[in-house]
Structure formats: C-alpha cells, structure tokens
Amino acid sequence: MLDIGCGTGRVAAALAERGSRVWGVEPSSEMAALARDRISTVKVAPAEQLPFKDGWFERAVMVLVIHLLDRPQAFAEAHRVLGPEGRLVVATFDPAHFERYWLNRFFPSLEAIDRERFPEPPALREELESAGFSPVRLTALAQRAEIGREEAIERVRGRFISPLQLLDVEELEAGLERMEAELPEQNEYGLEWVIAVGYR
C-alpha cells in the first residue's frame, strides 16, 4: 500500500498494524521525519512526482490531502503506480462539512477558505475518471467527535488545520479571545466526509 501525503504517518502506521506492507510519501522533510518514527518506509517527494515504478502498488490512499495538491497530476501519478485491479481511496471533507463546522462562529473566514480548496463530489469523481479510474464510487460518512476546552484552544493557537494558517493575525487573535470567553468545557462537533474509491 502507498499512503500519499502521509503527514506524520498516522494512517500508514494503522495500515501496517493491520498487516499491510506500507510505503509513505510526503513532500515535507520535517513531516516525513515524524512519520519515520512510526514506519521506516517513507520517502520525501510530492504527490505529483511519485518516486516509484509503474504498477508497483496494489492500493493507495490519500487522506485529507487532495485540497493541497495539483489534483489532476497527483491522481494521474496514483494511477500510474497502481497495478492491474489497483484501487485508490480518497478521504476528504464533503463541502457540507464547512457550513456546519464548529469553529466557524469564532473564525468567519474559515468556510470561504475551505470551499475554495475542496472539490464538490461530482467534480472529484470527474477528476478521478479523467486520470483513468473507472468506476469511481462515492460514499458519504458522518462522524461525531468531542474536544475539551483547553485542548481546543491550544490546537487553534498552533493552527492545527491549514485554513487557520491562512487567516490574518487580527481574525485569529479575535477568534481566540472569543473562544477563551465563550467555549464550554466539552465541545461536541461533526465531521462530514466523502470517501471516493477509484478502480484502475
């Protein structure tokens, strides 16, 4: 298996624990170093230029990364490195997620930032089909999660999601002030996913 844009290696390690032989690829050398603490088989490279032979893998995954990529090129590369009957699984946020995201009330620009970067499900299907995947199956998945007040504030201070890194300093500081004043001890929130499976 290939974990494309593996980040710190969380997904790759989970796959390895379940018995898969896993490689990770990550463009950030700092992230790749963290991933190597979990699995040793990590290469530093962009998703758009995978350093592997044609048909090398049986399966590939892209988890919460396609909004950061040149998708047509990255999908074409995933198609290239998959062998016959290979499959690519893409897990990304459904645009419906953004209108209900729990941090929106503190940071009003978040929804617009993410909507510009994440594809609508029909567009995602079309992009995967253009890269050679057929059929492409889409599945919606909803999750509930919970986070404590202090952890939430600390994560936001560290800009734990990429749209927070795109906010101007004034909006970030104002939102943090509101969180410190208004956030309850426990916070339940939803995650709305689209899971796309492309067959080679």
N, C-alpha and C. Protein backbone atom coordinates (compact mmCIF):
# COMPACT_ATOMS: atom_id res chain seq x y z
N MET A 1 0.84 -1.19 0.00
CA MET A 1 0.00 0.00 0.00
C MET A 1 0.87 1.24 0.00
N LEU A 2 0.34 2.31 -0.60
CA LEU A 2 1.03 3.59 -0.61
C LEU A 2 0.13 4.64 0.03
N ASP A 3 0.65 5.32 1.05
CA ASP A 3 -0.05 6.43 1.69
C ASP A 3 0.54 7.72 1.11
N ILE A 4 -0.23 8.38 0.25
CA ILE A 4 0.22 9.57 -0.48
C ILE A 4 -0.10 10.81 0.34
N GLY A 5 0.94 11.59 0.67
CA GLY A 5 0.75 12.73 1.57
C GLY A 5 0.55 12.23 2.98
N CYS A 6 1.46 11.37 3.44
CA CYS A 6 1.25 10.62 4.69
C CYS A 6 1.37 11.47 5.95
N GLY A 7 1.88 12.71 5.83
CA GLY A 7 1.99 13.55 7.02
C GLY A 7 2.87 12.92 8.08
N THR A 8 2.34 12.80 9.28
CA THR A 8 3.12 12.23 10.38
C THR A 8 3.04 10.71 10.44
N GLY A 9 2.38 10.09 9.46
CA GLY A 9 2.37 8.64 9.37
C GLY A 9 1.30 7.93 10.15
N ARG A 10 0.30 8.66 10.63
CA ARG A 10 -0.74 8.04 11.46
C ARG A 10 -1.51 6.97 10.70
N VAL A 11 -1.96 7.30 9.48
CA VAL A 11 -2.73 6.33 8.70
C VAL A 11 -1.85 5.17 8.24
N ALA A 12 -0.63 5.49 7.79
CA ALA A 12 0.29 4.44 7.34
C ALA A 12 0.57 3.45 8.47
N ALA A 13 0.78 3.94 9.68
CA ALA A 13 1.04 3.06 10.81
C ALA A 13 -0.16 2.19 11.13
N ALA A 14 -1.36 2.76 11.03
CA ALA A 14 -2.58 1.98 11.29
C ALA A 14 -2.73 0.87 10.26
N LEU A 15 -2.40 1.16 9.01
CA LEU A 15 -2.47 0.14 7.96
C LEU A 15 -1.43 -0.95 8.21
N ALA A 16 -0.23 -0.55 8.61
CA ALA A 16 0.83 -1.53 8.89
C ALA A 16 0.43 -2.43 10.05
N GLU A 17 -0.21 -1.86 11.07
CA GLU A 17 -0.65 -2.66 12.22
C GLU A 17 -1.67 -3.72 11.82
N ARG A 18 -2.38 -3.47 10.72
CA ARG A 18 -3.39 -4.42 10.23
C ARG A 18 -2.80 -5.40 9.22
N GLY A 19 -1.48 -5.38 9.06
CA GLY A 19 -0.83 -6.39 8.25
C GLY A 19 -0.44 -5.98 6.84
N SER A 20 -0.66 -4.73 6.46
CA SER A 20 -0.28 -4.28 5.13
C SER A 20 1.19 -3.91 5.08
N ARG A 21 1.82 -4.12 3.94
CA ARG A 21 3.15 -3.58 3.68
C ARG A 21 2.95 -2.19 3.13
N VAL A 22 3.41 -1.18 3.85
CA VAL A 22 3.05 0.20 3.56
C VAL A 22 4.29 1.05 3.28
N TRP A 23 4.19 1.87 2.24
CA TRP A 23 5.12 2.96 1.99
C TRP A 23 4.37 4.26 2.19
N GLY A 24 5.07 5.26 2.70
CA GLY A 24 4.52 6.61 2.77
C GLY A 24 5.33 7.54 1.90
N VAL A 25 4.67 8.55 1.37
CA VAL A 25 5.36 9.59 0.63
C VAL A 25 4.83 10.93 1.11
N GLU A 26 5.74 11.87 1.35
CA GLU A 26 5.39 13.14 1.99
C GLU A 26 6.35 14.21 1.49
N PRO A 27 5.85 15.37 1.02
CA PRO A 27 6.75 16.40 0.49
C PRO A 27 7.56 17.14 1.55
N SER A 28 7.06 17.18 2.78
CA SER A 28 7.75 17.90 3.84
C SER A 28 8.76 16.98 4.53
N SER A 29 10.03 17.36 4.51
CA SER A 29 11.04 16.52 5.16
C SER A 29 10.82 16.45 6.67
N GLU A 30 10.29 17.54 7.26
CA GLU A 30 10.02 17.53 8.70
C GLU A 30 8.91 16.54 9.04
N MET A 31 7.83 16.56 8.25
CA MET A 31 6.74 15.61 8.47
C MET A 31 7.21 14.18 8.22
N ALA A 32 7.99 13.99 7.16
CA ALA A 32 8.48 12.65 6.84
C ALA A 32 9.32 12.09 7.99
N ALA A 33 10.11 12.94 8.63
CA ALA A 33 10.92 12.50 9.76
C ALA A 33 10.03 12.02 10.90
N LEU A 34 8.92 12.73 11.14
CA LEU A 34 7.98 12.29 12.18
C LEU A 34 7.32 10.98 11.78
N ALA A 35 6.99 10.84 10.49
CA ALA A 35 6.37 9.60 10.02
C ALA A 35 7.30 8.41 10.19
N ARG A 36 8.60 8.64 10.00
CA ARG A 36 9.57 7.55 10.14
C ARG A 36 9.66 7.03 11.57
N ASP A 37 9.19 7.81 12.53
CA ASP A 37 9.11 7.30 13.90
C ASP A 37 8.04 6.22 14.02
N ARG A 38 7.10 6.20 13.06
CA ARG A 38 6.01 5.22 13.08
C ARG A 38 6.24 4.09 12.08
N ILE A 39 6.70 4.43 10.88
CA ILE A 39 7.06 3.41 9.88
C ILE A 39 8.35 3.86 9.21
N SER A 40 9.21 2.91 8.87
CA SER A 40 10.53 3.27 8.32
C SER A 40 10.49 3.57 6.83
N THR A 41 9.45 3.11 6.13
CA THR A 41 9.43 3.19 4.67
C THR A 41 8.71 4.46 4.20
N VAL A 42 9.37 5.59 4.40
CA VAL A 42 8.81 6.89 4.00
C VAL A 42 9.80 7.59 3.09
N LYS A 43 9.31 8.08 1.94
CA LYS A 43 10.13 8.85 1.03
C LYS A 43 9.66 10.29 1.00
N VAL A 44 10.61 11.21 0.81
CA VAL A 44 10.28 12.63 0.68
C VAL A 44 10.11 12.93 -0.81
N ALA A 45 8.88 13.25 -1.19
CA ALA A 45 8.57 13.55 -2.59
C ALA A 45 7.15 14.10 -2.66
N PRO A 46 6.84 14.89 -3.69
CA PRO A 46 5.48 15.38 -3.86
C PRO A 46 4.57 14.33 -4.47
N ALA A 47 3.29 14.45 -4.21
CA ALA A 47 2.31 13.52 -4.78
C ALA A 47 2.28 13.59 -6.30
N GLU A 48 2.69 14.73 -6.83
CA GLU A 48 2.66 14.93 -8.29
C GLU A 48 3.85 14.28 -9.00
N GLN A 49 4.83 13.78 -8.24
CA GLN A 49 6.01 13.13 -8.81
C GLN A 49 6.41 11.97 -7.90
N LEU A 50 5.66 10.91 -7.94
CA LEU A 50 5.91 9.78 -7.04
C LEU A 50 7.17 9.02 -7.46
N PRO A 51 8.06 8.75 -6.51
CA PRO A 51 9.34 8.11 -6.83
C PRO A 51 9.25 6.58 -6.84
N PHE A 52 8.28 6.06 -7.59
CA PHE A 52 8.06 4.62 -7.64
C PHE A 52 7.83 4.18 -9.08
N LYS A 53 8.09 2.91 -9.35
CA LYS A 53 7.90 2.35 -10.68
C LYS A 53 6.41 2.22 -11.01
N ASP A 54 6.13 2.15 -12.31
CA ASP A 54 4.76 1.91 -12.76
C ASP A 54 4.26 0.59 -12.19
N GLY A 55 2.99 0.60 -11.75
CA GLY A 55 2.35 -0.63 -11.32
C GLY A 55 2.89 -1.26 -10.06
N TRP A 56 3.57 -0.49 -9.23
CA TRP A 56 4.29 -1.03 -8.07
C TRP A 56 3.37 -1.41 -6.91
N PHE A 57 2.21 -0.76 -6.80
CA PHE A 57 1.35 -0.93 -5.62
C PHE A 57 0.01 -1.56 -5.97
N GLU A 58 -0.57 -2.23 -4.98
CA GLU A 58 -1.92 -2.78 -5.11
C GLU A 58 -2.98 -1.77 -4.71
N ARG A 59 -2.67 -0.95 -3.70
CA ARG A 59 -3.63 0.02 -3.18
C ARG A 59 -2.90 1.32 -2.84
N ALA A 60 -3.64 2.43 -2.91
CA ALA A 60 -3.10 3.72 -2.48
C ALA A 60 -4.20 4.49 -1.75
N VAL A 61 -3.79 5.32 -0.80
CA VAL A 61 -4.74 6.14 -0.05
C VAL A 61 -4.26 7.59 -0.04
N MET A 62 -5.23 8.48 -0.05
CA MET A 62 -4.99 9.92 0.14
C MET A 62 -5.99 10.40 1.18
N VAL A 63 -5.52 10.69 2.37
CA VAL A 63 -6.42 11.06 3.47
C VAL A 63 -6.23 12.54 3.80
N LEU A 64 -7.28 13.29 3.56
CA LEU A 64 -7.34 14.72 3.88
C LEU A 64 -6.12 15.48 3.34
N VAL A 65 -5.85 15.26 2.05
CA VAL A 65 -4.67 15.89 1.45
C VAL A 65 -4.95 16.48 0.07
N ILE A 66 -6.04 16.06 -0.60
CA ILE A 66 -6.20 16.45 -2.01
C ILE A 66 -6.43 17.95 -2.20
N HIS A 67 -6.88 18.65 -1.16
CA HIS A 67 -7.07 20.10 -1.27
C HIS A 67 -5.74 20.84 -1.31
N LEU A 68 -4.64 20.14 -1.04
CA LEU A 68 -3.31 20.76 -1.04
C LEU A 68 -2.52 20.43 -2.31
N LEU A 69 -3.11 19.67 -3.23
CA LEU A 69 -2.37 19.12 -4.36
C LEU A 69 -2.84 19.70 -5.69
N ASP A 70 -2.01 19.51 -6.71
CA ASP A 70 -2.45 19.63 -8.10
C ASP A 70 -3.17 18.31 -8.39
N ARG A 71 -4.48 18.29 -8.21
CA ARG A 71 -5.20 17.03 -8.21
C ARG A 71 -5.07 16.25 -9.52
N PRO A 72 -5.25 16.87 -10.68
CA PRO A 72 -5.11 16.07 -11.91
C PRO A 72 -3.76 15.36 -12.01
N GLN A 73 -2.68 16.05 -11.66
CA GLN A 73 -1.36 15.44 -11.74
C GLN A 73 -1.18 14.36 -10.66
N ALA A 74 -1.64 14.65 -9.45
CA ALA A 74 -1.50 13.68 -8.36
C ALA A 74 -2.33 12.42 -8.63
N PHE A 75 -3.54 12.59 -9.15
CA PHE A 75 -4.37 11.42 -9.47
C PHE A 75 -3.75 10.61 -10.60
N ALA A 76 -3.18 11.29 -11.60
CA ALA A 76 -2.52 10.58 -12.70
C ALA A 76 -1.33 9.77 -12.19
N GLU A 77 -0.58 10.34 -11.25
CA GLU A 77 0.56 9.63 -10.68
C GLU A 77 0.10 8.43 -9.84
N ALA A 78 -0.98 8.60 -9.09
CA ALA A 78 -1.51 7.46 -8.33
C ALA A 78 -1.94 6.35 -9.27
N HIS A 79 -2.56 6.71 -10.36
CA HIS A 79 -2.99 5.72 -11.35
C HIS A 79 -1.77 5.00 -11.93
N ARG A 80 -0.71 5.74 -12.19
CA ARG A 80 0.49 5.16 -12.79
C ARG A 80 1.14 4.11 -11.89
N VAL A 81 1.21 4.38 -10.59
CA VAL A 81 1.94 3.47 -9.70
C VAL A 81 1.10 2.29 -9.23
N LEU A 82 -0.19 2.29 -9.56
CA LEU A 82 -1.05 1.16 -9.19
C LEU A 82 -1.02 0.10 -10.28
N GLY A 83 -0.99 -1.15 -9.85
CA GLY A 83 -1.01 -2.25 -10.78
C GLY A 83 -2.41 -2.57 -11.25
N PRO A 84 -2.55 -3.59 -12.11
CA PRO A 84 -3.87 -4.01 -12.57
C PRO A 84 -4.79 -4.32 -11.37
N GLU A 85 -6.03 -3.87 -11.48
CA GLU A 85 -7.03 -4.04 -10.41
C GLU A 85 -6.66 -3.26 -9.15
N GLY A 86 -5.75 -2.30 -9.28
CA GLY A 86 -5.41 -1.44 -8.15
C GLY A 86 -6.56 -0.52 -7.79
N ARG A 87 -6.51 0.00 -6.58
CA ARG A 87 -7.56 0.91 -6.12
C ARG A 87 -6.93 2.09 -5.39
N LEU A 88 -7.52 3.25 -5.61
CA LEU A 88 -7.16 4.46 -4.87
C LEU A 88 -8.35 4.85 -4.01
N VAL A 89 -8.09 5.07 -2.71
CA VAL A 89 -9.12 5.55 -1.79
C VAL A 89 -8.76 6.98 -1.39
N VAL A 90 -9.70 7.88 -1.61
CA VAL A 90 -9.54 9.28 -1.25
C VAL A 90 -10.54 9.60 -0.14
N ALA A 91 -10.06 10.10 0.98
CA ALA A 91 -10.93 10.55 2.07
C ALA A 91 -10.74 12.06 2.20
N THR A 92 -11.85 12.79 2.02
CA THR A 92 -11.78 14.24 2.07
C THR A 92 -13.08 14.78 2.65
N PHE A 93 -13.11 16.05 2.97
CA PHE A 93 -14.33 16.61 3.55
C PHE A 93 -15.36 16.91 2.48
N ASP A 94 -16.61 16.56 2.79
CA ASP A 94 -17.73 16.98 1.97
C ASP A 94 -17.91 18.49 2.17
N PRO A 95 -18.20 19.25 1.11
CA PRO A 95 -18.42 20.68 1.30
C PRO A 95 -19.50 21.01 2.33
N ALA A 96 -20.45 20.10 2.56
CA ALA A 96 -21.46 20.32 3.60
C ALA A 96 -20.82 20.47 4.97
N HIS A 97 -19.63 19.89 5.15
CA HIS A 97 -18.92 19.97 6.41
C HIS A 97 -18.63 21.42 6.81
N PHE A 98 -18.31 22.23 5.81
CA PHE A 98 -17.81 23.57 6.11
C PHE A 98 -18.89 24.51 6.64
N GLU A 99 -20.11 24.35 6.17
CA GLU A 99 -21.15 25.27 6.63
C GLU A 99 -21.53 25.02 8.09
N ARG A 100 -21.24 23.81 8.58
CA ARG A 100 -21.60 23.48 9.96
C ARG A 100 -20.39 23.33 10.88
N TYR A 101 -19.22 23.68 10.39
CA TYR A 101 -18.01 23.44 11.17
C TYR A 101 -18.03 24.26 12.46
N TRP A 102 -17.65 23.62 13.55
CA TRP A 102 -17.84 24.20 14.87
C TRP A 102 -17.00 25.45 15.12
N LEU A 103 -15.90 25.64 14.40
CA LEU A 103 -15.07 26.83 14.62
C LEU A 103 -15.53 28.05 13.81
N ASN A 104 -16.52 27.88 12.94
CA ASN A 104 -16.95 28.99 12.08
C ASN A 104 -17.38 30.21 12.87
N ARG A 105 -18.06 30.00 13.99
CA ARG A 105 -18.58 31.16 14.73
C ARG A 105 -17.46 32.00 15.35
N PHE A 106 -16.30 31.40 15.51
CA PHE A 106 -15.16 32.15 16.03
C PHE A 106 -14.29 32.74 14.91
N PHE A 107 -14.29 32.07 13.76
CA PHE A 107 -13.43 32.49 12.64
C PHE A 107 -14.28 32.51 11.36
N PRO A 108 -14.94 33.63 11.08
CA PRO A 108 -15.91 33.69 9.97
C PRO A 108 -15.33 33.40 8.59
N SER A 109 -14.03 33.56 8.40
CA SER A 109 -13.45 33.35 7.07
C SER A 109 -13.18 31.88 6.75
N LEU A 110 -13.26 30.99 7.74
CA LEU A 110 -12.88 29.60 7.52
C LEU A 110 -13.69 28.93 6.41
N GLU A 111 -15.00 29.14 6.42
CA GLU A 111 -15.84 28.44 5.44
C GLU A 111 -15.45 28.81 4.01
N ALA A 112 -15.27 30.10 3.74
CA ALA A 112 -14.93 30.52 2.38
C ALA A 112 -13.57 30.00 1.95
N ILE A 113 -12.61 29.99 2.89
CA ILE A 113 -11.26 29.49 2.57
C ILE A 113 -11.32 28.03 2.15
N ASP A 114 -12.06 27.22 2.91
CA ASP A 114 -12.10 25.80 2.60
C ASP A 114 -12.94 25.50 1.36
N ARG A 115 -14.02 26.20 1.17
CA ARG A 115 -14.85 25.94 -0.01
C ARG A 115 -14.08 26.18 -1.31
N GLU A 116 -13.14 27.09 -1.29
CA GLU A 116 -12.33 27.35 -2.48
C GLU A 116 -11.37 26.21 -2.77
N ARG A 117 -10.98 25.45 -1.76
CA ARG A 117 -9.92 24.46 -1.93
C ARG A 117 -10.42 23.03 -2.10
N PHE A 118 -11.59 22.72 -1.55
CA PHE A 118 -12.08 21.35 -1.58
C PHE A 118 -13.06 21.16 -2.74
N PRO A 119 -12.93 20.06 -3.49
CA PRO A 119 -13.84 19.84 -4.62
C PRO A 119 -15.21 19.35 -4.18
N GLU A 120 -16.23 19.71 -4.95
CA GLU A 120 -17.55 19.11 -4.79
C GLU A 120 -17.46 17.64 -5.22
N PRO A 121 -18.28 16.75 -4.65
CA PRO A 121 -18.20 15.33 -5.01
C PRO A 121 -18.29 15.05 -6.52
N PRO A 122 -19.20 15.68 -7.29
CA PRO A 122 -19.21 15.40 -8.73
C PRO A 122 -17.90 15.79 -9.43
N ALA A 123 -17.30 16.89 -8.99
CA ALA A 123 -16.02 17.31 -9.57
C ALA A 123 -14.91 16.33 -9.21
N LEU A 124 -14.94 15.82 -7.99
CA LEU A 124 -13.95 14.83 -7.58
C LEU A 124 -14.07 13.57 -8.43
N ARG A 125 -15.29 13.11 -8.64
CA ARG A 125 -15.50 11.94 -9.49
C ARG A 125 -14.93 12.18 -10.90
N GLU A 126 -15.23 13.35 -11.45
CA GLU A 126 -14.77 13.67 -12.80
C GLU A 126 -13.25 13.71 -12.88
N GLU A 127 -12.61 14.28 -11.87
CA GLU A 127 -11.14 14.35 -11.85
C GLU A 127 -10.52 12.95 -11.78
N LEU A 128 -11.09 12.08 -10.98
CA LEU A 128 -10.57 10.72 -10.87
C LEU A 128 -10.79 9.94 -12.17
N GLU A 129 -11.94 10.13 -12.78
CA GLU A 129 -12.21 9.47 -14.06
C GLU A 129 -11.26 9.97 -15.15
N SER A 130 -10.97 11.27 -15.14
CA SER A 130 -10.05 11.84 -16.13
C SER A 130 -8.64 11.28 -15.97
N ALA A 131 -8.29 10.85 -14.75
CA ALA A 131 -6.97 10.26 -14.51
C ALA A 131 -6.94 8.78 -14.87
N GLY A 132 -8.08 8.21 -15.26
CA GLY A 132 -8.11 6.83 -15.70
C GLY A 132 -8.83 5.87 -14.77
N PHE A 133 -9.34 6.36 -13.64
CA PHE A 133 -10.03 5.48 -12.70
C PHE A 133 -11.48 5.26 -13.14
N SER A 134 -11.88 3.99 -13.18
CA SER A 134 -13.25 3.66 -13.56
C SER A 134 -13.56 2.22 -13.13
N PRO A 135 -14.67 2.06 -12.39
CA PRO A 135 -15.59 3.08 -11.93
C PRO A 135 -15.03 3.86 -10.74
N VAL A 136 -15.73 4.94 -10.39
CA VAL A 136 -15.43 5.71 -9.18
C VAL A 136 -16.67 5.68 -8.30
N ARG A 137 -16.52 5.20 -7.08
CA ARG A 137 -17.66 5.11 -6.16
C ARG A 137 -17.49 6.12 -5.04
N LEU A 138 -18.54 6.88 -4.76
CA LEU A 138 -18.52 7.89 -3.70
C LEU A 138 -19.44 7.46 -2.57
N THR A 139 -18.96 7.64 -1.35
CA THR A 139 -19.74 7.31 -0.15
C THR A 139 -19.65 8.47 0.83
N ALA A 140 -20.78 8.85 1.40
CA ALA A 140 -20.80 9.89 2.45
C ALA A 140 -20.64 9.21 3.80
N LEU A 141 -19.90 9.86 4.69
CA LEU A 141 -19.67 9.34 6.03
C LEU A 141 -19.75 10.49 7.02
N ALA A 142 -20.54 10.32 8.07
CA ALA A 142 -20.66 11.34 9.12
C ALA A 142 -20.10 10.78 10.42
N GLN A 143 -19.35 11.60 11.14
CA GLN A 143 -18.78 11.22 12.43
C GLN A 143 -19.10 12.28 13.47
N ARG A 144 -19.09 11.87 14.71
CA ARG A 144 -19.18 12.81 15.83
C ARG A 144 -17.90 12.72 16.63
N ALA A 145 -17.45 13.85 17.12
CA ALA A 145 -16.23 13.88 17.93
C ALA A 145 -16.43 14.87 19.07
N GLU A 146 -15.51 14.84 20.02
CA GLU A 146 -15.59 15.72 21.17
C GLU A 146 -14.20 16.21 21.52
N ILE A 147 -14.12 17.46 21.97
CA ILE A 147 -12.82 18.02 22.35
C ILE A 147 -13.01 18.91 23.57
N GLY A 148 -12.05 18.86 24.48
CA GLY A 148 -12.10 19.71 25.67
C GLY A 148 -11.67 21.13 25.36
N ARG A 149 -12.08 22.03 26.22
CA ARG A 149 -11.84 23.46 26.03
C ARG A 149 -10.35 23.79 25.86
N GLU A 150 -9.53 23.35 26.81
CA GLU A 150 -8.11 23.71 26.78
C GLU A 150 -7.40 23.13 25.57
N GLU A 151 -7.74 21.88 25.23
CA GLU A 151 -7.12 21.27 24.06
C GLU A 151 -7.52 22.00 22.78
N ALA A 152 -8.79 22.39 22.69
CA ALA A 152 -9.26 23.11 21.50
C ALA A 152 -8.52 24.43 21.34
N ILE A 153 -8.39 25.19 22.42
CA ILE A 153 -7.71 26.48 22.36
C ILE A 153 -6.24 26.29 21.98
N GLU A 154 -5.62 25.29 22.57
CA GLU A 154 -4.20 25.03 22.28
C GLU A 154 -4.01 24.64 20.82
N ARG A 155 -4.90 23.82 20.30
CA ARG A 155 -4.80 23.42 18.89
C ARG A 155 -4.96 24.62 17.96
N VAL A 156 -5.91 25.47 18.26
CA VAL A 156 -6.11 26.65 17.42
C VAL A 156 -4.89 27.58 17.49
N ARG A 157 -4.33 27.75 18.68
CA ARG A 157 -3.10 28.56 18.80
C ARG A 157 -1.99 28.00 17.90
N GLY A 158 -1.92 26.68 17.80
CA GLY A 158 -0.92 26.04 16.95
C GLY A 158 -1.33 25.94 15.50
N ARG A 159 -2.51 26.51 15.17
CA ARG A 159 -3.05 26.49 13.80
C ARG A 159 -3.05 25.07 13.24
N PHE A 160 -3.75 24.20 13.95
CA PHE A 160 -3.71 22.76 13.68
C PHE A 160 -4.34 22.34 12.36
N ILE A 161 -5.15 23.19 11.76
CA ILE A 161 -5.69 22.90 10.43
C ILE A 161 -5.24 24.00 9.48
N SER A 162 -5.06 23.63 8.23
CA SER A 162 -4.44 24.55 7.28
C SER A 162 -5.20 25.86 7.06
N PRO A 163 -6.55 25.90 7.08
CA PRO A 163 -7.19 27.21 6.89
C PRO A 163 -6.85 28.22 7.98
N LEU A 164 -6.57 27.75 9.19
CA LEU A 164 -6.16 28.68 10.25
C LEU A 164 -4.84 29.36 9.91
N GLN A 165 -3.99 28.68 9.15
CA GLN A 165 -2.72 29.26 8.74
C GLN A 165 -2.91 30.34 7.69
N LEU A 166 -4.10 30.36 7.06
CA LEU A 166 -4.38 31.35 6.02
C LEU A 166 -5.15 32.56 6.54
N LEU A 167 -5.56 32.52 7.80
CA LEU A 167 -6.26 33.67 8.40
C LEU A 167 -5.29 34.79 8.67
N ASP A 168 -5.80 36.03 8.61
CA ASP A 168 -4.94 37.12 9.04
C ASP A 168 -4.84 37.12 10.56
N VAL A 169 -3.80 37.76 11.07
CA VAL A 169 -3.50 37.71 12.50
C VAL A 169 -4.64 38.29 13.32
N GLU A 170 -5.27 39.35 12.83
CA GLU A 170 -6.35 40.00 13.59
C GLU A 170 -7.53 39.06 13.79
N GLU A 171 -7.93 38.34 12.73
CA GLU A 171 -9.06 37.42 12.88
C GLU A 171 -8.70 36.26 13.80
N LEU A 172 -7.48 35.76 13.69
CA LEU A 172 -7.06 34.67 14.56
C LEU A 172 -7.09 35.10 16.03
N GLU A 173 -6.53 36.25 16.33
CA GLU A 173 -6.49 36.72 17.72
C GLU A 173 -7.88 37.01 18.26
N ALA A 174 -8.74 37.62 17.43
CA ALA A 174 -10.11 37.91 17.87
C ALA A 174 -10.87 36.61 18.13
N GLY A 175 -10.70 35.62 17.27
CA GLY A 175 -11.38 34.35 17.46
C GLY A 175 -10.90 33.63 18.70
N LEU A 176 -9.59 33.68 18.96
CA LEU A 176 -9.06 33.06 20.18
C LEU A 176 -9.62 33.74 21.43
N GLU A 177 -9.75 35.05 21.40
CA GLU A 177 -10.33 35.76 22.54
C GLU A 177 -11.76 35.30 22.80
N ARG A 178 -12.55 35.16 21.71
CA ARG A 178 -13.93 34.69 21.87
C ARG A 178 -13.96 33.26 22.39
N MET A 179 -13.07 32.41 21.90
CA MET A 179 -13.02 31.03 22.39
C MET A 179 -12.73 31.00 23.88
N GLU A 180 -11.77 31.80 24.33
CA GLU A 180 -11.42 31.82 25.75
C GLU A 180 -12.57 32.32 26.60
N ALA A 181 -13.40 33.20 26.04
CA ALA A 181 -14.51 33.76 26.80
C ALA A 181 -15.76 32.88 26.76
N GLU A 182 -15.96 32.15 25.65
CA GLU A 182 -17.26 31.50 25.42
C GLU A 182 -17.23 29.98 25.37
N LEU A 183 -16.09 29.38 25.16
CA LEU A 183 -16.06 27.94 24.90
C LEU A 183 -16.37 27.15 26.17
N PRO A 184 -17.32 26.20 26.10
CA PRO A 184 -17.60 25.35 27.27
C PRO A 184 -16.48 24.34 27.49
N GLU A 185 -16.56 23.63 28.60
CA GLU A 185 -15.51 22.66 28.95
C GLU A 185 -15.41 21.52 27.95
N GLN A 186 -16.56 21.05 27.45
CA GLN A 186 -16.57 19.99 26.45
C GLN A 186 -17.33 20.46 25.21
N ASN A 187 -16.81 20.10 24.04
CA ASN A 187 -17.40 20.57 22.78
C ASN A 187 -17.56 19.40 21.83
N GLU A 188 -18.81 19.11 21.47
CA GLU A 188 -19.10 18.06 20.51
C GLU A 188 -19.25 18.69 19.13
N TYR A 189 -18.73 18.02 18.11
CA TYR A 189 -18.82 18.56 16.75
C TYR A 189 -18.90 17.42 15.75
N GLY A 190 -19.30 17.77 14.53
CA GLY A 190 -19.46 16.78 13.49
C GLY A 190 -18.40 16.88 12.42
N LEU A 191 -18.15 15.76 11.74
CA LEU A 191 -17.25 15.70 10.60
C LEU A 191 -18.03 15.05 9.46
N GLU A 192 -18.06 15.70 8.30
CA GLU A 192 -18.78 15.18 7.14
C GLU A 192 -17.76 14.84 6.05
N TRP A 193 -17.65 13.56 5.74
CA TRP A 193 -16.63 13.07 4.81
C TRP A 193 -17.24 12.63 3.49
N VAL A 194 -16.41 12.66 2.45
CA VAL A 194 -16.67 11.95 1.21
C VAL A 194 -15.53 10.95 1.04
N ILE A 195 -15.87 9.69 0.85
CA ILE A 195 -14.88 8.65 0.57
C ILE A 195 -15.06 8.25 -0.90
N ALA A 196 -14.03 8.45 -1.68
CA ALA A 196 -14.05 8.07 -3.10
C ALA A 196 -13.12 6.88 -3.31
N VAL A 197 -13.64 5.88 -4.00
CA VAL A 197 -12.82 4.72 -4.36
C VAL A 197 -12.75 4.67 -5.88
N GLY A 198 -11.53 4.79 -6.40
CA GLY A 198 -11.31 4.70 -7.83
C GLY A 198 -10.66 3.39 -8.19
N TYR A 199 -11.22 2.71 -9.15
CA TYR A 199 -10.71 1.39 -9.58
C TYR A 199 -9.89 1.56 -10.85
N ARG A 200 -8.74 0.90 -10.88
CA ARG A 200 -7.87 1.01 -12.05
C ARG A 200 -8.32 0.04 -13.14
